[in-house]
Amino acid sequence: MTSTELTLTELTVVAHHRPEVLERLLRVIRHRGFVVHKMTMQLENEKIWLDLTLASRRDIGLLINQLAKLYDVVDVTCDDCE
């Protein structure tokens, strides 16, 4: 992969349902240099399930670590990641 190629990665984030959670997640994603290509969200049992397709030249592992540190985040999974 060259430095100009964008890598698409699919993530699933589970978090407690609070009014500010979605904004906080999207802010971290943007600040870490990722672009949202596709996003779906479901609310179930007072938790949000967010399926994201993200694009970036950066390592997805760094973003996963940052998202997992957020207070309301319960789980972050990436089937495509090592």
N, C-alpha and C. Protein backbone atom coordinates (compact mmCIF):
# COMPACT_ATOMS: atom_id res chain seq x y z
N MET A 1 0.85 -1.18 0.00
CA MET A 1 0.00 0.00 0.00
C MET A 1 0.89 1.24 0.00
N THR A 2 0.57 2.18 -0.87
CA THR A 2 1.31 3.44 -0.88
C THR A 2 0.66 4.41 0.09
N SER A 3 1.37 5.46 0.40
CA SER A 3 0.86 6.42 1.39
C SER A 3 -0.35 7.21 0.90
N THR A 4 -0.67 7.12 -0.40
CA THR A 4 -1.81 7.87 -0.93
C THR A 4 -3.10 7.04 -0.94
N GLU A 5 -2.99 5.73 -0.68
CA GLU A 5 -4.17 4.87 -0.70
C GLU A 5 -4.93 4.93 0.62
N LEU A 6 -6.23 5.08 0.52
CA LEU A 6 -7.08 5.04 1.72
C LEU A 6 -7.47 3.60 2.00
N THR A 7 -7.45 3.23 3.24
CA THR A 7 -7.88 1.90 3.65
C THR A 7 -9.26 2.01 4.27
N LEU A 8 -10.18 1.16 3.81
CA LEU A 8 -11.52 1.10 4.40
C LEU A 8 -11.53 0.01 5.47
N THR A 9 -12.08 0.35 6.63
CA THR A 9 -12.14 -0.57 7.75
C THR A 9 -13.53 -0.51 8.37
N GLU A 10 -14.05 -1.67 8.75
CA GLU A 10 -15.36 -1.73 9.40
C GLU A 10 -15.18 -1.96 10.89
N LEU A 11 -15.86 -1.14 11.68
CA LEU A 11 -15.82 -1.23 13.15
C LEU A 11 -17.24 -1.35 13.68
N THR A 12 -17.36 -2.00 14.83
CA THR A 12 -18.61 -1.98 15.59
C THR A 12 -18.30 -1.43 16.97
N VAL A 13 -19.06 -0.42 17.36
CA VAL A 13 -18.88 0.21 18.67
C VAL A 13 -20.18 0.04 19.44
N VAL A 14 -20.07 -0.44 20.67
CA VAL A 14 -21.22 -0.56 21.57
C VAL A 14 -20.97 0.43 22.71
N ALA A 15 -21.97 1.26 22.99
CA ALA A 15 -21.82 2.28 24.04
C ALA A 15 -23.14 2.47 24.77
N HIS A 16 -23.04 3.01 25.97
CA HIS A 16 -24.24 3.35 26.73
C HIS A 16 -24.97 4.49 26.02
N HIS A 17 -26.29 4.42 26.03
CA HIS A 17 -27.09 5.45 25.35
C HIS A 17 -27.15 6.71 26.20
N ARG A 18 -26.49 7.73 25.74
CA ARG A 18 -26.51 9.05 26.37
C ARG A 18 -26.55 10.08 25.22
N PRO A 19 -27.12 11.24 25.46
CA PRO A 19 -27.27 12.22 24.38
C PRO A 19 -25.96 12.62 23.69
N GLU A 20 -24.87 12.67 24.44
CA GLU A 20 -23.61 13.17 23.89
C GLU A 20 -22.70 12.11 23.31
N VAL A 21 -23.04 10.84 23.42
CA VAL A 21 -22.12 9.76 23.03
C VAL A 21 -21.80 9.78 21.55
N LEU A 22 -22.80 9.89 20.70
CA LEU A 22 -22.56 9.87 19.26
C LEU A 22 -21.65 11.02 18.84
N GLU A 23 -21.90 12.21 19.36
CA GLU A 23 -21.04 13.35 19.04
C GLU A 23 -19.60 13.12 19.47
N ARG A 24 -19.42 12.57 20.66
CA ARG A 24 -18.08 12.31 21.19
C ARG A 24 -17.34 11.29 20.32
N LEU A 25 -18.03 10.22 19.93
CA LEU A 25 -17.41 9.20 19.07
C LEU A 25 -16.98 9.79 17.73
N LEU A 26 -17.87 10.54 17.12
CA LEU A 26 -17.56 11.13 15.81
C LEU A 26 -16.42 12.15 15.90
N ARG A 27 -16.34 12.88 17.00
CA ARG A 27 -15.26 13.85 17.18
C ARG A 27 -13.91 13.14 17.28
N VAL A 28 -13.86 12.06 18.04
CA VAL A 28 -12.60 11.30 18.15
C VAL A 28 -12.21 10.71 16.80
N ILE A 29 -13.18 10.18 16.07
CA ILE A 29 -12.91 9.61 14.75
C ILE A 29 -12.32 10.68 13.82
N ARG A 30 -12.93 11.86 13.81
CA ARG A 30 -12.45 12.96 12.96
C ARG A 30 -11.07 13.45 13.39
N HIS A 31 -10.86 13.63 14.69
CA HIS A 31 -9.58 14.14 15.19
C HIS A 31 -8.45 13.16 14.92
N ARG A 32 -8.74 11.89 14.84
CA ARG A 32 -7.71 10.87 14.58
C ARG A 32 -7.45 10.69 13.08
N GLY A 33 -8.12 11.48 12.24
CA GLY A 33 -7.83 11.46 10.81
C GLY A 33 -8.61 10.44 10.00
N PHE A 34 -9.76 10.01 10.51
CA PHE A 34 -10.59 9.05 9.80
C PHE A 34 -11.83 9.74 9.24
N VAL A 35 -12.33 9.20 8.13
CA VAL A 35 -13.52 9.73 7.47
C VAL A 35 -14.59 8.64 7.51
N VAL A 36 -15.80 9.01 7.90
CA VAL A 36 -16.91 8.05 7.94
C VAL A 36 -17.48 7.91 6.53
N HIS A 37 -17.43 6.67 6.00
CA HIS A 37 -18.01 6.39 4.69
C HIS A 37 -19.42 5.86 4.82
N LYS A 38 -19.67 5.10 5.91
CA LYS A 38 -20.99 4.53 6.12
C LYS A 38 -21.19 4.37 7.63
N MET A 39 -22.43 4.63 8.09
CA MET A 39 -22.71 4.51 9.51
C MET A 39 -24.16 4.08 9.70
N THR A 40 -24.36 3.06 10.54
CA THR A 40 -25.71 2.67 10.94
C THR A 40 -25.71 2.55 12.46
N MET A 41 -26.84 2.91 13.05
CA MET A 41 -26.94 2.86 14.50
C MET A 41 -28.26 2.24 14.91
N GLN A 42 -28.20 1.40 15.95
CA GLN A 42 -29.40 0.82 16.53
C GLN A 42 -29.37 1.06 18.03
N LEU A 43 -30.54 1.29 18.58
CA LEU A 43 -30.69 1.43 20.03
C LEU A 43 -31.37 0.18 20.55
N GLU A 44 -30.69 -0.49 21.50
CA GLU A 44 -31.23 -1.73 22.04
C GLU A 44 -30.79 -1.86 23.49
N ASN A 45 -31.73 -2.05 24.40
CA ASN A 45 -31.44 -2.23 25.83
C ASN A 45 -30.58 -1.11 26.40
N GLU A 46 -30.93 0.13 26.07
CA GLU A 46 -30.20 1.31 26.57
C GLU A 46 -28.74 1.37 26.14
N LYS A 47 -28.43 0.67 25.04
CA LYS A 47 -27.09 0.74 24.45
C LYS A 47 -27.24 1.06 22.97
N ILE A 48 -26.25 1.78 22.44
CA ILE A 48 -26.24 2.01 21.00
C ILE A 48 -25.24 1.04 20.38
N TRP A 49 -25.61 0.52 19.23
CA TRP A 49 -24.76 -0.36 18.44
C TRP A 49 -24.48 0.41 17.15
N LEU A 50 -23.24 0.77 16.96
CA LEU A 50 -22.84 1.62 15.84
C LEU A 50 -21.94 0.82 14.91
N ASP A 51 -22.38 0.62 13.68
CA ASP A 51 -21.56 -0.04 12.66
C ASP A 51 -21.02 1.05 11.74
N LEU A 52 -19.69 1.11 11.65
CA LEU A 52 -19.02 2.17 10.90
C LEU A 52 -18.12 1.59 9.83
N THR A 53 -18.09 2.23 8.67
CA THR A 53 -17.06 1.98 7.67
C THR A 53 -16.26 3.26 7.58
N LEU A 54 -14.96 3.15 7.91
CA LEU A 54 -14.08 4.31 7.99
C LEU A 54 -12.97 4.23 6.96
N ALA A 55 -12.51 5.38 6.50
CA ALA A 55 -11.40 5.46 5.56
C ALA A 55 -10.29 6.31 6.15
N SER A 56 -9.06 5.85 5.94
CA SER A 56 -7.91 6.62 6.40
C SER A 56 -6.62 5.99 5.91
N ARG A 57 -5.57 6.76 5.97
CA ARG A 57 -4.22 6.26 5.73
C ARG A 57 -3.56 5.84 7.04
N ARG A 58 -4.18 6.14 8.14
CA ARG A 58 -3.62 5.88 9.47
C ARG A 58 -3.94 4.47 9.95
N ASP A 59 -3.21 4.05 10.97
CA ASP A 59 -3.40 2.74 11.58
C ASP A 59 -4.69 2.72 12.39
N ILE A 60 -5.56 1.76 12.10
CA ILE A 60 -6.85 1.66 12.78
C ILE A 60 -6.68 1.31 14.26
N GLY A 61 -5.60 0.64 14.61
CA GLY A 61 -5.36 0.26 16.00
C GLY A 61 -5.31 1.44 16.94
N LEU A 62 -4.75 2.54 16.47
CA LEU A 62 -4.69 3.75 17.30
C LEU A 62 -6.09 4.30 17.59
N LEU A 63 -6.95 4.27 16.58
CA LEU A 63 -8.32 4.75 16.77
C LEU A 63 -9.09 3.82 17.71
N ILE A 64 -8.93 2.53 17.54
CA ILE A 64 -9.63 1.57 18.40
C ILE A 64 -9.26 1.81 19.86
N ASN A 65 -7.98 2.01 20.13
CA ASN A 65 -7.53 2.27 21.50
C ASN A 65 -8.16 3.54 22.06
N GLN A 66 -8.24 4.59 21.26
CA GLN A 66 -8.82 5.85 21.73
C GLN A 66 -10.31 5.72 21.98
N LEU A 67 -11.02 5.03 21.09
CA LEU A 67 -12.46 4.85 21.27
C LEU A 67 -12.74 4.01 22.52
N ALA A 68 -11.95 2.98 22.74
CA ALA A 68 -12.16 2.10 23.90
C ALA A 68 -11.96 2.84 25.22
N LYS A 69 -11.19 3.92 25.22
CA LYS A 69 -10.93 4.70 26.44
C LYS A 69 -12.09 5.62 26.81
N LEU A 70 -13.00 5.88 25.87
CA LEU A 70 -14.11 6.78 26.16
C LEU A 70 -15.02 6.19 27.23
N TYR A 71 -15.48 7.03 28.12
CA TYR A 71 -16.21 6.62 29.32
C TYR A 71 -17.41 5.73 29.03
N ASP A 72 -18.24 6.08 28.07
CA ASP A 72 -19.48 5.36 27.82
C ASP A 72 -19.34 4.18 26.86
N VAL A 73 -18.15 3.98 26.30
CA VAL A 73 -17.95 2.89 25.35
C VAL A 73 -17.82 1.56 26.10
N VAL A 74 -18.61 0.59 25.67
CA VAL A 74 -18.61 -0.74 26.28
C VAL A 74 -17.67 -1.68 25.52
N ASP A 75 -17.67 -1.60 24.16
CA ASP A 75 -16.88 -2.51 23.35
C ASP A 75 -16.59 -1.90 21.99
N VAL A 76 -15.42 -2.21 21.45
CA VAL A 76 -15.06 -1.84 20.08
C VAL A 76 -14.52 -3.09 19.41
N THR A 77 -15.11 -3.48 18.29
CA THR A 77 -14.62 -4.66 17.58
C THR A 77 -14.35 -4.32 16.13
N CYS A 78 -13.36 -5.02 15.59
CA CYS A 78 -12.97 -4.85 14.20
C CYS A 78 -12.63 -6.23 13.65
N ASP A 79 -13.49 -6.77 12.82
CA ASP A 79 -13.25 -8.10 12.27
C ASP A 79 -12.10 -8.11 11.27
N ASP A 80 -11.84 -6.97 10.61
CA ASP A 80 -10.79 -6.90 9.58
C ASP A 80 -9.40 -6.67 10.18
N CYS A 81 -9.33 -6.36 11.46
CA CYS A 81 -8.05 -5.98 12.08
C CYS A 81 -7.31 -7.22 12.58
N GLU A 82 -5.99 -7.05 12.71
CA GLU A 82 -5.16 -8.13 13.24
C GLU A 82 -5.37 -8.28 14.71
